[in-house]
Amino acid sequence: MTTEPLPTPGATVDAYLRRIGAARPDRPDVAALRDLHLRHLRTVPFENLSIHLGEDIVLEEKPLLDKIVGARRGGFCYEVNTTFAVLLRELGFRVSLLQARCYGEGGRLGIPYDHMAVLVEAEGRRWLADVGFGDHSHFPLALDERDDQTDPGGTFRIEETEDGDLEVLRNGKPQYRLELRPRVPADFTVGAWYHRTSPDSHFTRSLICSRLTEDGRVTLSGHKLVTSVNGERTERLLDGAGGGDEVRAAYRDLFGIELTDLPVPPARRD
C-alpha cells in the first residue's frame, strides 16, 4: 500500500480536499459542510477490506489520515468519520465525535460504541454528519429538527428518547440511537475490536466496498458487483480467473483502490 506523506496540518487539509475533489471553502458555513459531506460520500468508499486483509486498524488521527488520504483508501465508520471530523476541524468547524448503537435484526440494539457519527456546529445550528454508515443521508441532518427531513437518500427524522438520547430514522425505520456526550477516537477501540473479531459482527461475516455515485450507488462484495442507477439495480459476478484480475480492476476503476492482495471473502476461508 503506497502512502503519500502528509507532513503538516496544512498539507494534510490540501491533500484531503484534493482527495474528495473539493475547493477550500471561504468560510465554515452550512453550504460548505453540505458540499464536503456529499463529495466525501462520492469519493471515499465505505469499506471493511482491512478486516479481510489482516491489516491493523489504529484509531488515531495520523494513521487514519495516512490510510484515507495518503493511501486513498476508504474505511468503516470509526475511520472515515474520524478523518472527516479532522478535516472539518482544520477548516474551522466545531466538531465532536458521538457514539451510537445500531439497530439490527429484530429491532435489537447493538453494542455500545457500535457506530461513530459527527456533530458539527455551523451558523449557530447543530448538524449530524455521517459519512460512515453506508447507504444513508447524502447531506448532514439538522440535529435539533424534529420534523421530517427530506434528503436524496430518503426521508429522515430525529426523535428524542425518554433518557435523552436521539433516534435517527430513515423512511420510518430506526437506524441508530445516538448519545450526545462528546467522545474521542480511543473511546471506540472496544467497538472497533468487536467488529474486527467477533463472528457475530456483520463486518466479519461480509466483505463490502461501496460508494455513492451521481445517479445511484456502486457496491462490490467479494466477486459480486451491484450497481444502482436511478433506482434500477443490476448485479454481476466478476470473473475470478486470472488471479482475480477483474475484481482487482473493479477496486481500482470504481473505487480508486490499488490492491496487491485481494481480500478473502469469509465464505472462502478455511
C-alpha atoms as a PDB file:
ATOM      1  CA  MET A   1       0.000   0.000   0.000  1.00  0.00           C
ATOM      2  CA  THR A   2       1.744   3.174  -1.187  1.00  0.00           C
ATOM      3  CA  THR A   3       1.184   6.205   1.009  1.00  0.00           C
ATOM      4  CA  GLU A   4       1.644   9.873   0.151  1.00  0.00           C
ATOM      5  CA  PRO A   5       3.441  11.667   3.037  1.00  0.00           C
ATOM      6  CA  LEU A   6       1.302  14.136   4.969  1.00  0.00           C
ATOM      7  CA  PRO A   7       3.885  16.281   6.784  1.00  0.00           C
ATOM      8  CA  THR A   8       1.890  19.241   8.140  1.00  0.00           C
ATOM      9  CA  PRO A   9      -1.724  20.046   9.017  1.00  0.00           C
ATOM     10  CA  GLY A  10      -1.964  22.465   6.088  1.00  0.00           C
ATOM     11  CA  ALA A  11      -0.600  19.910   3.658  1.00  0.00           C
ATOM     12  CA  THR A  12      -2.967  17.296   5.062  1.00  0.00           C
ATOM     13  CA  VAL A  13      -6.002  19.526   4.503  1.00  0.00           C
ATOM     14  CA  ASP A  14      -4.925  20.358   0.959  1.00  0.00           C
ATOM     15  CA  ALA A  15      -4.325  16.667   0.184  1.00  0.00           C
ATOM     16  CA  TYR A  16      -7.670  15.737   1.737  1.00  0.00           C
ATOM     17  CA  LEU A  17      -9.501  18.343  -0.342  1.00  0.00           C
ATOM     18  CA  ARG A  18      -7.788  17.018  -3.481  1.00  0.00           C
ATOM     19  CA  ARG A  19      -8.812  13.502  -2.428  1.00  0.00           C
ATOM     20  CA  ILE A  20     -12.503  14.429  -2.424  1.00  0.00           C
ATOM     21  CA  GLY A  21     -12.318  16.925  -5.301  1.00  0.00           C
ATOM     22  CA  ALA A  22     -13.255  19.954  -3.208  1.00  0.00           C
ATOM     23  CA  ALA A  23     -12.023  23.527  -3.129  1.00  0.00           C
ATOM     24  CA  ARG A  24     -11.060  25.071   0.195  1.00  0.00           C
ATOM     25  CA  PRO A  25     -14.230  26.815   1.431  1.00  0.00           C
ATOM     26  CA  ASP A  26     -14.173  30.533   2.136  1.00  0.00           C
ATOM     27  CA  ARG A  27     -15.862  30.025   5.500  1.00  0.00           C
ATOM     28  CA  PRO A  28     -17.122  27.155   7.683  1.00  0.00           C
ATOM     29  CA  ASP A  29     -20.793  27.533   6.780  1.00  0.00           C
ATOM     30  CA  VAL A  30     -23.627  25.104   6.081  1.00  0.00           C
ATOM     31  CA  ALA A  31     -23.194  25.284   2.317  1.00  0.00           C
ATOM     32  CA  ALA A  32     -19.558  24.232   2.663  1.00  0.00           C
ATOM     33  CA  LEU A  33     -20.482  21.437   5.070  1.00  0.00           C
ATOM     34  CA  ARG A  34     -23.091  20.049   2.684  1.00  0.00           C
ATOM     35  CA  ASP A  35     -20.674  20.170  -0.251  1.00  0.00           C
ATOM     36  CA  LEU A  36     -17.881  18.433   1.667  1.00  0.00           C
ATOM     37  CA  HIS A  37     -20.250  15.767   3.001  1.00  0.00           C
ATOM     38  CA  LEU A  38     -21.590  14.871  -0.447  1.00  0.00           C
ATOM     39  CA  ARG A  39     -18.159  14.886  -2.086  1.00  0.00           C
ATOM     40  CA  HIS A  40     -16.800  12.632   0.654  1.00  0.00           C
ATOM     41  CA  LEU A  41     -19.560  10.074   0.117  1.00  0.00           C
ATOM     42  CA  ARG A  42     -18.919  10.062  -3.631  1.00  0.00           C
ATOM     43  CA  THR A  43     -15.161   9.593  -3.418  1.00  0.00           C
ATOM     44  CA  VAL A  44     -14.198   7.814  -0.184  1.00  0.00           C
ATOM     45  CA  PRO A  45     -15.648   4.293  -0.107  1.00  0.00           C
ATOM     46  CA  PHE A  46     -17.362   2.733   2.852  1.00  0.00           C
ATOM     47  CA  GLU A  47     -15.317  -0.479   3.093  1.00  0.00           C
ATOM     48  CA  ASN A  48     -14.114  -3.138   5.506  1.00  0.00           C
ATOM     49  CA  LEU A  49     -11.266  -4.527   3.406  1.00  0.00           C
ATOM     50  CA  SER A  50      -8.686  -4.143   6.174  1.00  0.00           C
ATOM     51  CA  ILE A  51     -10.530  -6.705   8.300  1.00  0.00           C
ATOM     52  CA  HIS A  52     -10.264  -9.270   5.495  1.00  0.00           C
ATOM     53  CA  LEU A  53      -6.711  -8.334   4.505  1.00  0.00           C
ATOM     54  CA  GLY A  54      -5.346  -8.755   8.027  1.00  0.00           C
ATOM     55  CA  GLU A  55      -4.393  -5.061   8.225  1.00  0.00           C
ATOM     56  CA  ASP A  56      -4.198  -3.311  11.577  1.00  0.00           C
ATOM     57  CA  ILE A  57      -6.721  -0.573  12.338  1.00  0.00           C
ATOM     58  CA  VAL A  58      -5.397   2.113  14.680  1.00  0.00           C
ATOM     59  CA  LEU A  59      -7.934   4.666  15.878  1.00  0.00           C
ATOM     60  CA  GLU A  60      -5.560   7.613  15.893  1.00  0.00           C
ATOM     61  CA  GLU A  61      -5.717  10.615  13.599  1.00  0.00           C
ATOM     62  CA  LYS A  62      -2.358  10.274  11.831  1.00  0.00           C
ATOM     63  CA  PRO A  63      -2.565   6.590  10.807  1.00  0.00           C
ATOM     64  CA  LEU A  64      -6.168   7.082   9.736  1.00  0.00           C
ATOM     65  CA  LEU A  65      -5.266  10.103   7.613  1.00  0.00           C
ATOM     66  CA  ASP A  66      -2.352   8.151   6.142  1.00  0.00           C
ATOM     67  CA  LYS A  67      -4.821   5.469   5.096  1.00  0.00           C
ATOM     68  CA  ILE A  68      -7.798   7.542   3.903  1.00  0.00           C
ATOM     69  CA  VAL A  69      -5.876  10.430   2.353  1.00  0.00           C
ATOM     70  CA  GLY A  70      -2.337   9.213   1.746  1.00  0.00           C
ATOM     71  CA  ALA A  71      -3.193   5.705   0.532  1.00  0.00           C
ATOM     72  CA  ARG A  72      -6.538   6.800  -0.969  1.00  0.00           C
ATOM     73  CA  ARG A  73      -8.474   4.056   0.784  1.00  0.00           C
ATOM     74  CA  GLY A  74     -11.854   4.034   2.474  1.00  0.00           C
ATOM     75  CA  GLY A  75     -12.930   2.566   5.773  1.00  0.00           C
ATOM     76  CA  PHE A  76     -15.782   1.868   8.119  1.00  0.00           C
ATOM     77  CA  CYS A  77     -17.407   4.392  10.451  1.00  0.00           C
ATOM     78  CA  TYR A  78     -14.609   4.753  13.015  1.00  0.00           C
ATOM     79  CA  GLU A  79     -12.107   5.510  10.277  1.00  0.00           C
ATOM     80  CA  VAL A  80     -13.904   7.756   7.809  1.00  0.00           C
ATOM     81  CA  ASN A  81     -15.887   9.744  10.370  1.00  0.00           C
ATOM     82  CA  THR A  82     -12.743  10.391  12.414  1.00  0.00           C
ATOM     83  CA  THR A  83     -10.861  11.705   9.403  1.00  0.00           C
ATOM     84  CA  PHE A  84     -13.850  13.721   8.176  1.00  0.00           C
ATOM     85  CA  ALA A  85     -14.050  15.329  11.628  1.00  0.00           C
ATOM     86  CA  VAL A  86     -10.342  16.200  11.393  1.00  0.00           C
ATOM     87  CA  LEU A  87     -10.888  17.842   8.014  1.00  0.00           C
ATOM     88  CA  LEU A  88     -13.851  19.859   9.269  1.00  0.00           C
ATOM     89  CA  ARG A  89     -11.998  20.942  12.400  1.00  0.00           C
ATOM     90  CA  GLU A  90      -8.997  22.139  10.394  1.00  0.00           C
ATOM     91  CA  LEU A  91     -11.367  24.126   8.145  1.00  0.00           C
ATOM     92  CA  GLY A  92     -12.804  25.974  11.138  1.00  0.00           C
ATOM     93  CA  PHE A  93     -15.884  23.943  12.050  1.00  0.00           C
ATOM     94  CA  ARG A  94     -16.576  22.952  15.656  1.00  0.00           C
ATOM     95  CA  VAL A  95     -16.911  19.176  15.768  1.00  0.00           C
ATOM     96  CA  SER A  96     -17.484  16.391  18.269  1.00  0.00           C
ATOM     97  CA  LEU A  97     -17.488  12.630  17.869  1.00  0.00           C
ATOM     98  CA  LEU A  98     -20.629  10.842  19.051  1.00  0.00           C
ATOM     99  CA  GLN A  99     -21.262   7.182  19.801  1.00  0.00           C
ATOM    100  CA  ALA A 100     -24.332   5.308  18.657  1.00  0.00           C
ATOM    101  CA  ARG A 101     -25.870   1.827  18.790  1.00  0.00           C
ATOM    102  CA  CYS A 102     -27.232   0.495  15.514  1.00  0.00           C
ATOM    103  CA  TYR A 103     -30.480  -1.373  15.110  1.00  0.00           C
ATOM    104  CA  GLY A 104     -30.045  -4.903  13.840  1.00  0.00           C
ATOM    105  CA  GLU A 105     -32.220  -7.894  13.143  1.00  0.00           C
ATOM    106  CA  GLY A 106     -35.489  -7.912  15.046  1.00  0.00           C
ATOM    107  CA  GLY A 107     -35.031  -4.283  16.053  1.00  0.00           C
ATOM    108  CA  ARG A 108     -32.325  -5.138  18.595  1.00  0.00           C
ATOM    109  CA  LEU A 109     -29.769  -2.502  19.514  1.00  0.00           C
ATOM    110  CA  GLY A 110     -26.109  -3.307  19.016  1.00  0.00           C
ATOM    111  CA  ILE A 111     -23.242  -2.904  21.440  1.00  0.00           C
ATOM    112  CA  PRO A 112     -22.173   0.444  22.927  1.00  0.00           C
ATOM    113  CA  TYR A 113     -19.799   2.261  20.542  1.00  0.00           C
ATOM    114  CA  ASP A 114     -21.321   0.259  17.725  1.00  0.00           C
ATOM    115  CA  HIS A 115     -21.138   3.302  15.463  1.00  0.00           C
ATOM    116  CA  MET A 116     -19.472   6.707  15.287  1.00  0.00           C
ATOM    117  CA  ALA A 117     -21.068   9.884  13.926  1.00  0.00           C
ATOM    118  CA  VAL A 118     -20.018  13.546  13.919  1.00  0.00           C
ATOM    119  CA  LEU A 119     -21.741  16.539  15.497  1.00  0.00           C
ATOM    120  CA  VAL A 120     -20.910  19.748  13.611  1.00  0.00           C
ATOM    121  CA  GLU A 121     -21.730  23.307  14.615  1.00  0.00           C
ATOM    122  CA  ALA A 122     -22.264  25.730  11.734  1.00  0.00           C
ATOM    123  CA  GLU A 123     -24.156  29.011  11.506  1.00  0.00           C
ATOM    124  CA  GLY A 124     -25.487  28.682  15.020  1.00  0.00           C
ATOM    125  CA  ARG A 125     -27.057  25.256  14.480  1.00  0.00           C
ATOM    126  CA  ARG A 126     -26.043  21.664  15.198  1.00  0.00           C
ATOM    127  CA  TRP A 127     -25.755  19.166  12.361  1.00  0.00           C
ATOM    128  CA  LEU A 128     -25.386  15.395  12.284  1.00  0.00           C
ATOM    129  CA  ALA A 129     -22.739  14.454   9.730  1.00  0.00           C
ATOM    130  CA  ASP A 130     -22.214  10.784   8.927  1.00  0.00           C
ATOM    131  CA  VAL A 131     -20.041   9.614   6.031  1.00  0.00           C
ATOM    132  CA  GLY A 132     -19.567   6.168   7.581  1.00  0.00           C
ATOM    133  CA  PHE A 133     -22.962   4.471   7.569  1.00  0.00           C
ATOM    134  CA  GLY A 134     -23.027   3.222   4.004  1.00  0.00           C
ATOM    135  CA  ASP A 135     -26.355   3.922   2.301  1.00  0.00           C
ATOM    136  CA  HIS A 136     -27.646   6.836   4.385  1.00  0.00           C
ATOM    137  CA  SER A 137     -28.345  10.564   4.067  1.00  0.00           C
ATOM    138  CA  HIS A 138     -26.434  12.397   1.356  1.00  0.00           C
ATOM    139  CA  PHE A 139     -26.317  15.613   3.378  1.00  0.00           C
ATOM    140  CA  PRO A 140     -25.939  16.388   7.085  1.00  0.00           C
ATOM    141  CA  LEU A 141     -29.149  16.305   9.107  1.00  0.00           C
ATOM    142  CA  ALA A 142     -30.324  19.169  11.331  1.00  0.00           C
ATOM    143  CA  LEU A 143     -29.766  17.610  14.750  1.00  0.00           C
ATOM    144  CA  ASP A 144     -32.348  19.707  16.609  1.00  0.00           C
ATOM    145  CA  GLU A 145     -35.074  19.414  13.959  1.00  0.00           C
ATOM    146  CA  ARG A 146     -37.896  17.053  14.940  1.00  0.00           C
ATOM    147  CA  ASP A 147     -39.920  17.121  11.720  1.00  0.00           C
ATOM    148  CA  ASP A 148     -39.233  15.012   8.635  1.00  0.00           C
ATOM    149  CA  GLN A 149     -36.096  15.958   6.724  1.00  0.00           C
ATOM    150  CA  THR A 150     -36.180  15.195   3.018  1.00  0.00           C
ATOM    151  CA  ASP A 151     -32.869  14.048   1.552  1.00  0.00           C
ATOM    152  CA  PRO A 152     -31.926  12.291  -1.720  1.00  0.00           C
ATOM    153  CA  GLY A 153     -31.253   9.231   0.450  1.00  0.00           C
ATOM    154  CA  GLY A 154     -34.766   9.155   1.902  1.00  0.00           C
ATOM    155  CA  THR A 155     -36.951  10.832   4.498  1.00  0.00           C
ATOM    156  CA  PHE A 156     -35.138  11.195   7.811  1.00  0.00           C
ATOM    157  CA  ARG A 157     -36.391  12.052  11.244  1.00  0.00           C
ATOM    158  CA  ILE A 158     -34.660  12.573  14.584  1.00  0.00           C
ATOM    159  CA  GLU A 159     -36.658  11.787  17.715  1.00  0.00           C
ATOM    160  CA  GLU A 160     -35.825  12.158  21.388  1.00  0.00           C
ATOM    161  CA  THR A 161     -35.877   9.147  23.701  1.00  0.00           C
ATOM    162  CA  GLU A 162     -37.036   9.183  27.315  1.00  0.00           C
ATOM    163  CA  ASP A 163     -33.448   9.045  28.586  1.00  0.00           C
ATOM    164  CA  GLY A 164     -32.181  11.939  26.464  1.00  0.00           C
ATOM    165  CA  ASP A 165     -30.687  10.051  23.537  1.00  0.00           C
ATOM    166  CA  LEU A 166     -31.751  10.555  19.926  1.00  0.00           C
ATOM    167  CA  GLU A 167     -33.218   8.062  17.487  1.00  0.00           C
ATOM    168  CA  VAL A 168     -32.252   8.505  13.829  1.00  0.00           C
ATOM    169  CA  LEU A 169     -34.919   7.127  11.496  1.00  0.00           C
ATOM    170  CA  ARG A 170     -34.892   6.654   7.737  1.00  0.00           C
ATOM    171  CA  ASN A 171     -38.209   6.212   5.945  1.00  0.00           C
ATOM    172  CA  GLY A 172     -39.813   5.482   9.304  1.00  0.00           C
ATOM    173  CA  LYS A 173     -37.320   2.753  10.278  1.00  0.00           C
ATOM    174  CA  PRO A 174     -34.884   3.333  13.189  1.00  0.00           C
ATOM    175  CA  GLN A 175     -31.262   3.269  12.053  1.00  0.00           C
ATOM    176  CA  TYR A 176     -29.347   4.015  15.244  1.00  0.00           C
ATOM    177  CA  ARG A 177     -29.645   5.500  18.721  1.00  0.00           C
ATOM    178  CA  LEU A 178     -27.297   8.419  19.261  1.00  0.00           C
ATOM    179  CA  GLU A 179     -25.789   9.629  22.532  1.00  0.00           C
ATOM    180  CA  LEU A 180     -24.877  13.322  22.702  1.00  0.00           C
ATOM    181  CA  ARG A 181     -21.895  13.137  25.048  1.00  0.00           C
ATOM    182  CA  PRO A 182     -18.697  14.059  23.122  1.00  0.00           C
ATOM    183  CA  ARG A 183     -16.174  11.265  22.653  1.00  0.00           C
ATOM    184  CA  VAL A 184     -12.597  10.814  21.418  1.00  0.00           C
ATOM    185  CA  PRO A 185     -11.368   8.183  18.918  1.00  0.00           C
ATOM    186  CA  ALA A 186      -9.827   5.994  21.644  1.00  0.00           C
ATOM    187  CA  ASP A 187     -13.281   5.546  23.223  1.00  0.00           C
ATOM    188  CA  PHE A 188     -14.285   3.460  20.194  1.00  0.00           C
ATOM    189  CA  THR A 189     -11.405   0.969  20.480  1.00  0.00           C
ATOM    190  CA  VAL A 190     -13.514  -1.806  22.010  1.00  0.00           C
ATOM    191  CA  GLY A 191     -16.297  -1.327  19.458  1.00  0.00           C
ATOM    192  CA  ALA A 192     -13.791  -1.486  16.604  1.00  0.00           C
ATOM    193  CA  TRP A 193     -12.167  -4.585  18.117  1.00  0.00           C
ATOM    194  CA  TYR A 194     -15.562  -6.281  18.352  1.00  0.00           C
ATOM    195  CA  HIS A 195     -16.396  -5.565  14.721  1.00  0.00           C
ATOM    196  CA  ARG A 196     -12.963  -6.753  13.584  1.00  0.00           C
ATOM    197  CA  THR A 197     -13.024 -10.029  15.515  1.00  0.00           C
ATOM    198  CA  SER A 198     -16.489 -11.191  16.567  1.00  0.00           C
ATOM    199  CA  PRO A 199     -18.231 -13.833  14.457  1.00  0.00           C
ATOM    200  CA  ASP A 200     -21.447 -12.023  15.362  1.00  0.00           C
ATOM    201  CA  SER A 201     -20.347  -8.813  13.658  1.00  0.00           C
ATOM    202  CA  HIS A 202     -21.644  -8.245  10.136  1.00  0.00           C
ATOM    203  CA  PHE A 203     -18.211  -6.871   9.251  1.00  0.00           C
ATOM    204  CA  THR A 204     -16.501 -10.219   9.836  1.00  0.00           C
ATOM    205  CA  ARG A 205     -19.310 -12.064   8.045  1.00  0.00           C
ATOM    206  CA  SER A 206     -19.324  -9.921   4.908  1.00  0.00           C
ATOM    207  CA  LEU A 207     -16.956  -8.134   2.551  1.00  0.00           C
ATOM    208  CA  ILE A 208     -18.067  -4.689   1.414  1.00  0.00           C
ATOM    209  CA  CYS A 209     -16.757  -1.764  -0.641  1.00  0.00           C
ATOM    210  CA  SER A 210     -19.382   0.795  -1.581  1.00  0.00           C
ATOM    211  CA  ARG A 211     -19.716   4.429  -2.533  1.00  0.00           C
ATOM    212  CA  LEU A 212     -22.364   6.887  -3.617  1.00  0.00           C
ATOM    213  CA  THR A 213     -22.437   7.913  -7.287  1.00  0.00           C
ATOM    214  CA  GLU A 214     -24.095  10.858  -9.018  1.00  0.00           C
ATOM    215  CA  ASP A 215     -27.042   8.706 -10.093  1.00  0.00           C
ATOM    216  CA  GLY A 216     -27.049   5.855  -7.584  1.00  0.00           C
ATOM    217  CA  ARG A 217     -24.580   3.585  -5.842  1.00  0.00           C
ATOM    218  CA  VAL A 218     -21.904   1.033  -6.684  1.00  0.00           C
ATOM    219  CA  THR A 219     -21.019  -1.841  -4.349  1.00  0.00           C
ATOM    220  CA  LEU A 220     -18.505  -4.668  -4.610  1.00  0.00           C
ATOM    221  CA  SER A 221     -18.903  -7.619  -2.237  1.00  0.00           C
ATOM    222  CA  GLY A 222     -16.387 -10.317  -2.982  1.00  0.00           C
ATOM    223  CA  HIS A 223     -16.945 -11.078  -6.679  1.00  0.00           C
ATOM    224  CA  LYS A 224     -20.470  -9.632  -6.774  1.00  0.00           C
ATOM    225  CA  LEU A 225     -20.783  -6.154  -8.280  1.00  0.00           C
ATOM    226  CA  VAL A 226     -24.050  -4.335  -7.568  1.00  0.00           C
ATOM    227  CA  THR A 227     -24.870  -1.127  -9.402  1.00  0.00           C
ATOM    228  CA  SER A 228     -27.903   1.075  -8.789  1.00  0.00           C
ATOM    229  CA  VAL A 229     -28.714   3.768 -11.352  1.00  0.00           C
ATOM    230  CA  ASN A 230     -31.776   5.948 -10.895  1.00  0.00           C
ATOM    231  CA  GLY A 231     -33.384   3.291  -8.740  1.00  0.00           C
ATOM    232  CA  GLU A 232     -32.664   0.354 -11.085  1.00  0.00           C
ATOM    233  CA  ARG A 233     -30.434  -2.338  -9.595  1.00  0.00           C
ATOM    234  CA  THR A 234     -28.197  -4.696 -11.545  1.00  0.00           C
ATOM    235  CA  GLU A 235     -25.932  -7.466 -10.279  1.00  0.00           C
ATOM    236  CA  ARG A 236     -22.991  -9.160 -11.972  1.00  0.00           C
ATOM    237  CA  LEU A 237     -20.495 -11.781 -10.844  1.00  0.00           C
ATOM    238  CA  LEU A 238     -16.959 -10.787 -11.778  1.00  0.00           C
ATOM    239  CA  ASP A 239     -14.611 -13.336 -13.275  1.00  0.00           C
ATOM    240  CA  GLY A 240     -12.452 -14.929 -10.602  1.00  0.00           C
ATOM    241  CA  ALA A 241      -9.965 -16.354 -13.113  1.00  0.00           C
ATOM    242  CA  GLY A 242      -6.523 -14.893 -13.701  1.00  0.00           C
ATOM    243  CA  GLY A 243      -5.827 -14.338 -10.012  1.00  0.00           C
ATOM    244  CA  GLY A 244      -8.870 -12.094  -9.619  1.00  0.00           C
ATOM    245  CA  ASP A 245      -7.763  -9.546 -12.217  1.00  0.00           C
ATOM    246  CA  GLU A 246     -11.332  -8.399 -12.932  1.00  0.00           C
ATOM    247  CA  VAL A 247     -12.027  -7.924  -9.219  1.00  0.00           C
ATOM    248  CA  ARG A 248      -8.758  -6.063  -8.758  1.00  0.00           C
ATOM    249  CA  ALA A 249      -9.626  -3.820 -11.732  1.00  0.00           C
ATOM    250  CA  ALA A 250     -13.043  -3.085 -10.225  1.00  0.00           C
ATOM    251  CA  TYR A 251     -11.456  -1.931  -6.976  1.00  0.00           C
ATOM    252  CA  ARG A 252      -9.105   0.294  -8.976  1.00  0.00           C
ATOM    253  CA  ASP A 253     -11.513   1.705 -11.551  1.00  0.00           C
ATOM    254  CA  LEU A 254     -14.668   2.063  -9.445  1.00  0.00           C
ATOM    255  CA  PHE A 255     -13.205   2.923  -6.052  1.00  0.00           C
ATOM    256  CA  GLY A 256      -9.672   4.176  -6.730  1.00  0.00           C
ATOM    257  CA  ILE A 257      -8.184   1.425  -4.556  1.00  0.00           C
ATOM    258  CA  GLU A 258      -4.977  -0.246  -5.721  1.00  0.00           C
ATOM    259  CA  LEU A 259      -4.587  -3.703  -4.150  1.00  0.00           C
ATOM    260  CA  THR A 260      -1.711  -6.137  -4.417  1.00  0.00           C
ATOM    261  CA  ASP A 261      -3.510  -8.859  -2.467  1.00  0.00           C
ATOM    262  CA  LEU A 262      -7.259  -9.316  -2.666  1.00  0.00           C
ATOM    263  CA  PRO A 263      -9.334  -9.638   0.496  1.00  0.00           C
ATOM    264  CA  VAL A 264     -10.674 -13.134   1.007  1.00  0.00           C
ATOM    265  CA  PRO A 265     -14.479 -13.346   1.335  1.00  0.00           C
ATOM    266  CA  PRO A 266     -15.476 -15.053   4.618  1.00  0.00           C
ATOM    267  CA  ALA A 267     -17.181 -17.975   2.882  1.00  0.00           C
ATOM    268  CA  ARG A 268     -13.916 -18.913   1.118  1.00  0.00           C
ATOM    269  CA  ARG A 269     -11.767 -19.109   4.251  1.00  0.00           C
ATOM    270  CA  ASP A 270     -10.643 -22.431   5.652  1.00  0.00           C
END
